[in-house]
C-alpha cells in the first residue's frame, strides 16, 4: 500500500554475540493508480410487458496500491431509459449514477437495472436502446473507461 514506512535494519554476528548494529530509515511508497472494468454481463437484453426491467452487472477492480473512488454513470443515446445501480453494502438503489470506494487490490461487482421510460403498445419491431456506462476514477490521474450495452423493448402487440 502507498504510504510512509519506518524501518530498522539490525545486524549481528555469531562471532560477537553481545554486539549488534542498527540503522533506521524511511521508505516512501508513492500512490500508483490502475483499474480494470469488465464487460457487461449480459451485454444485450430484452424487455417485454411481462418483464419490464433488464438486469446486468459490471465488475470493477482496483489494481493500484491506494484507495480510490470510482463514479459509475449510465446513459442512453435517446434518454429513453432510467438506470439503477445496486452497490453492495448500500440498502437502496442509486438512480443514474453510483460512487464506489475500493481498497487496493480489491474488486466489486455492481448490479444494474435498466427500464425503458415509455412502452409501446403496438409495434412492428422492437425498439433498441444503446447505452453507455462510463467509470470515472475520482482519485489520481486516470482516464475514464466505458462499456456499452443494448436494451431491446418489445411492444405488447406485434407481428
Protein backbone atom coordinates (compact mmCIF):
# COMPACT_ATOMS: atom_id res chain seq x y z
CA UNK A 1 0.00 0.00 0.00
CA UNK A 2 1.09 3.55 -0.60
CA UNK A 3 2.40 5.38 2.43
CA UNK A 4 5.42 6.03 4.62
CA UNK A 5 7.04 3.10 6.35
CA UNK A 6 9.72 3.33 9.03
CA UNK A 7 12.26 0.56 9.09
CA UNK A 8 15.18 -0.57 11.16
CA UNK A 9 17.99 -2.80 9.97
CA UNK A 10 19.78 -4.70 12.73
CA UNK A 11 22.90 -6.72 12.01
CA UNK A 12 24.52 -9.22 14.35
CA UNK A 13 27.38 -11.68 14.12
CA UNK A 14 27.62 -15.12 15.69
CA UNK A 15 31.26 -14.35 16.48
CA UNK A 16 30.23 -11.38 18.69
CA UNK A 17 27.06 -12.48 20.43
CA UNK A 18 26.60 -9.39 22.62
CA UNK A 19 27.11 -6.80 19.85
CA UNK A 20 24.75 -5.55 17.15
CA UNK A 21 24.47 -2.57 14.88
CA UNK A 22 21.22 -0.81 13.98
CA UNK A 23 20.36 1.64 11.20
CA UNK A 24 16.98 3.27 10.67
CA UNK A 25 15.39 4.67 7.58
CA UNK A 26 12.17 5.70 5.93
CA UNK A 27 10.63 4.05 2.90
CA UNK A 28 8.07 6.12 0.98
CA UNK A 29 5.80 4.30 -1.47
CA UNK A 30 4.08 6.74 -3.79
CA UNK A 31 0.50 6.05 -4.90
CA UNK A 32 0.02 4.02 -8.02
CA UNK A 33 -3.38 4.05 -9.69
CA UNK A 34 -4.72 1.42 -12.07
CA UNK A 35 -8.08 -0.27 -12.51
CA UNK A 36 -9.93 -2.67 -14.74
CA UNK A 37 -13.53 -2.67 -15.90
CA UNK A 38 -15.25 -5.81 -17.17
CA UNK A 39 -17.76 -6.05 -19.97
CA UNK A 40 -21.42 -6.01 -19.07
CA UNK A 41 -22.87 -9.39 -18.27
CA UNK A 42 -25.11 -9.78 -20.26
CA UNK A 43 -24.42 -7.12 -22.88
CA UNK A 44 -27.72 -7.42 -24.79
CA UNK A 45 -31.08 -7.80 -23.11
CA UNK A 46 -34.77 -7.86 -23.97
CA UNK A 47 -37.68 -6.43 -22.03
CA UNK A 48 -41.33 -7.18 -22.60
CA UNK A 49 -44.56 -6.12 -20.97
CA UNK A 50 -44.20 -9.06 -18.57
CA UNK A 51 -40.51 -8.43 -17.87
CA UNK A 52 -40.22 -4.65 -17.70
CA UNK A 53 -36.72 -4.38 -16.23
CA UNK A 54 -33.46 -5.78 -17.52
CA UNK A 55 -30.63 -6.71 -15.17
CA UNK A 56 -26.93 -6.63 -15.88
CA UNK A 57 -23.72 -6.46 -13.88
CA UNK A 58 -20.33 -4.81 -14.21
CA UNK A 59 -17.12 -5.77 -12.37
CA UNK A 60 -14.69 -3.07 -11.26
CA UNK A 61 -11.23 -3.85 -9.83
CA UNK A 62 -8.71 -1.51 -8.19
CA UNK A 63 -5.30 -2.80 -9.26
CA UNK A 64 -3.35 0.06 -7.69
CA UNK A 65 -1.82 0.48 -4.24
CA UNK A 66 -4.12 3.26 -2.94
CA UNK A 67 -7.79 3.65 -2.09
CA UNK A 68 -9.74 5.05 -5.00
CA UNK A 69 -13.28 6.29 -5.56
CA UNK A 70 -14.95 5.49 -8.88
CA UNK A 71 -18.07 7.09 -10.28
CA UNK A 72 -20.33 4.93 -12.45
CA UNK A 73 -22.86 6.67 -14.69
CA UNK A 74 -25.39 5.24 -17.11
CA UNK A 75 -26.96 6.99 -20.05
CA UNK A 76 -28.56 6.01 -23.32
CA UNK A 77 -28.45 7.99 -26.55
CA UNK A 78 -32.17 8.84 -26.55
CA UNK A 79 -32.55 9.37 -22.80
CA UNK A 80 -35.35 6.82 -23.07
CA UNK A 81 -34.36 4.65 -20.11
CA UNK A 82 -33.60 5.06 -16.46
CA UNK A 83 -30.87 3.10 -14.73
CA UNK A 84 -30.46 1.99 -11.13
CA UNK A 85 -27.19 0.82 -9.59
CA UNK A 86 -27.26 -1.51 -6.59
CA UNK A 87 -23.91 -1.07 -4.88
CA UNK A 88 -23.16 -3.94 -2.47
CA UNK A 89 -23.34 -2.64 1.09
CA UNK A 90 -25.92 0.06 0.26
CA UNK A 91 -29.54 -0.69 1.10
CA UNK A 92 -31.22 1.24 -1.70
CA UNK A 93 -30.76 1.59 -5.43
CA UNK A 94 -28.90 4.62 -6.77
CA UNK A 95 -30.63 6.23 -9.74
CA UNK A 96 -28.44 7.22 -12.69
CA UNK A 97 -25.04 7.05 -11.03
CA UNK A 98 -23.13 5.49 -8.16
CA UNK A 99 -19.86 6.12 -6.36
CA UNK A 100 -17.80 3.15 -5.22
CA UNK A 101 -14.75 3.25 -2.94
CA UNK A 102 -12.31 0.39 -3.42
CA UNK A 103 -9.29 -0.53 -1.35
CA UNK A 104 -6.12 -1.59 -3.17
CA UNK A 105 -6.21 -4.97 -4.87
CA UNK A 106 -9.97 -5.45 -4.41
CA UNK A 107 -12.83 -5.93 -6.85
CA UNK A 108 -16.57 -5.44 -6.74
CA UNK A 109 -19.46 -6.47 -8.97
CA UNK A 110 -22.12 -3.77 -9.29
CA UNK A 111 -25.56 -4.95 -10.46
CA UNK A 112 -27.62 -2.53 -12.55
CA UNK A 113 -31.24 -2.41 -13.67
CA UNK A 114 -32.40 -0.71 -16.88
CA UNK A 115 -36.03 0.19 -17.53
CA UNK A 116 -37.45 1.99 -20.59
CA UNK A 117 -39.36 5.17 -19.70
CA UNK A 118 -42.10 4.63 -22.33
CA UNK A 119 -43.52 1.37 -23.58
CA UNK A 120 -45.13 0.88 -26.97
CA UNK A 121 -48.44 -0.92 -27.05
CA UNK A 122 -48.46 -1.60 -30.83
CA UNK A 123 -45.39 -2.02 -32.98
CA UNK A 124 -43.82 -3.83 -35.89
CA UNK A 125 -40.41 -4.36 -34.29
CA UNK A 126 -38.51 -4.00 -31.06
CA UNK A 127 -37.14 -0.60 -30.07
CA UNK A 128 -33.39 -0.70 -29.37
CA UNK A 129 -31.71 1.50 -26.77
CA UNK A 130 -27.92 1.74 -26.85
CA UNK A 131 -26.47 2.76 -23.52
CA UNK A 132 -23.02 3.55 -22.15
CA UNK A 133 -21.65 3.09 -18.64
CA UNK A 134 -18.52 5.19 -18.08
CA UNK A 135 -16.38 4.54 -14.99
CA UNK A 136 -14.54 7.69 -13.92
CA UNK A 137 -11.82 7.48 -11.26
CA UNK A 138 -12.08 10.43 -8.87
CA UNK A 139 -8.59 9.83 -7.42
CA UNK A 140 -5.28 10.08 -9.25
CA UNK A 141 -4.67 10.97 -12.86
CA UNK A 142 -6.55 8.13 -14.50
CA UNK A 143 -8.63 8.25 -17.63
CA UNK A 144 -12.27 7.11 -17.69
CA UNK A 145 -13.25 3.83 -19.33
CA UNK A 146 -16.67 2.90 -20.64
CA UNK A 147 -18.68 -0.18 -21.53
CA UNK A 148 -21.68 -0.36 -23.82
CA UNK A 149 -24.84 -2.41 -23.79
CA UNK A 150 -28.11 -2.75 -25.66
CA UNK A 151 -31.67 -2.95 -24.39
CA UNK A 152 -34.43 -4.09 -26.74
CA UNK A 153 -38.03 -3.32 -25.80
CA UNK A 154 -40.75 -5.38 -27.46
CA UNK A 155 -44.27 -3.96 -27.95
CA UNK A 156 -47.25 -5.72 -26.37
CA UNK A 157 -48.90 -6.35 -29.74
CA UNK A 158 -46.61 -7.04 -32.69
CA UNK A 159 -46.06 -9.42 -35.57
